[in-house]
N, C-alpha and C. Protein backbone atom coordinates (compact mmCIF):
# COMPACT_ATOMS: atom_id res chain seq x y z
N MET A 1 -3.21 4.72 7.13
CA MET A 1 -2.40 3.33 6.50
C MET A 1 -1.87 4.07 5.56
N CYS A 2 -1.09 3.92 5.26
CA CYS A 2 -0.11 4.21 3.30
C CYS A 2 -0.90 3.83 2.67
N CYS A 3 -1.87 2.92 2.86
CA CYS A 3 -2.85 3.43 1.55
C CYS A 3 -3.79 3.80 1.08
N GLU A 4 -3.51 5.04 1.82
CA GLU A 4 -5.05 5.12 2.26
C GLU A 4 -4.44 6.26 1.44
N PHE A 5 -3.65 6.88 1.47
CA PHE A 5 -2.50 7.74 1.22
C PHE A 5 -2.64 8.09 -0.96
N GLU A 6 -3.06 8.82 -1.70
CA GLU A 6 -3.32 9.71 -2.94
C GLU A 6 -1.30 9.02 -3.18
N LEU A 7 -1.99 8.16 -3.73
CA LEU A 7 0.00 8.09 -3.78
C LEU A 7 0.39 7.65 -5.91
N GLN A 8 1.37 8.20 -6.13
CA GLN A 8 1.81 7.80 -7.28
C GLN A 8 2.03 7.25 -7.82
N LYS A 9 2.26 7.09 -9.80
CA LYS A 9 2.47 5.83 -10.31
C LYS A 9 4.26 4.95 -9.05
N ASP A 10 5.12 5.94 -9.23
CA ASP A 10 6.36 5.39 -8.62
C ASP A 10 6.13 5.36 -7.35
N ASP A 11 5.02 4.84 -6.48
CA ASP A 11 4.89 4.26 -5.02
C ASP A 11 3.74 3.45 -5.70
N GLU A 12 3.92 2.67 -6.99
CA GLU A 12 3.11 0.89 -6.80
C GLU A 12 3.60 -0.27 -5.69
N LEU A 13 5.24 0.06 -6.01
CA LEU A 13 5.74 -0.81 -5.50
C LEU A 13 5.50 -0.91 -2.96
N ASN A 14 5.34 0.41 -3.21
CA ASN A 14 5.63 0.25 -1.60
C ASN A 14 3.52 0.50 -1.17
N TRP A 15 2.83 0.73 -2.90
CA TRP A 15 1.00 0.54 -2.35
C TRP A 15 0.84 -1.00 -2.58
N LYS A 16 1.44 -1.05 -3.61
CA LYS A 16 2.08 -3.66 -3.59
C LYS A 16 1.66 -3.75 -1.73
N LEU A 17 2.89 -3.08 -1.54
CA LEU A 17 4.18 -4.18 0.05
C LEU A 17 2.95 -2.82 1.15
N CYS A 18 2.46 -2.10 0.72
CA CYS A 18 1.16 -2.10 1.80
C CYS A 18 -0.33 -3.03 2.01
N LEU A 19 0.14 -3.00 0.64
CA LEU A 19 -2.06 -3.68 0.38
C LEU A 19 -1.53 -5.30 0.71
N HIS A 20 -0.24 -6.12 0.53
CA HIS A 20 0.16 -7.08 1.30
C HIS A 20 -0.12 -7.05 2.72
N VAL A 21 1.00 -5.85 3.92
CA VAL A 21 0.38 -5.80 5.03
C VAL A 21 -0.72 -5.94 5.42
N LEU A 22 -1.76 -5.14 4.98
CA LEU A 22 -3.18 -4.78 5.42
C LEU A 22 -3.87 -6.24 5.13
N LEU A 23 -3.98 -7.08 4.27
CA LEU A 23 -4.05 -8.15 4.16
C LEU A 23 -4.40 -9.26 5.40
N GLU A 24 -2.43 -9.29 4.92
CA GLU A 24 -2.30 -10.08 6.85
C GLU A 24 -2.33 -9.61 7.84
N LEU A 25 -3.06 -8.54 8.01
CA LEU A 25 -3.46 -7.56 9.45
C LEU A 25 -4.87 -8.94 9.66
N GLN A 26 -5.54 -8.45 8.65
CA GLN A 26 -7.68 -8.72 8.52
C GLN A 26 -7.10 -9.85 8.01
């Protein structure tokens, strides 16, 4: 999943969105 990738600082917003999706799935 996207959160498992090594993200750059510019991807923080995408990471937060991904994390939100992961929490919704759990």
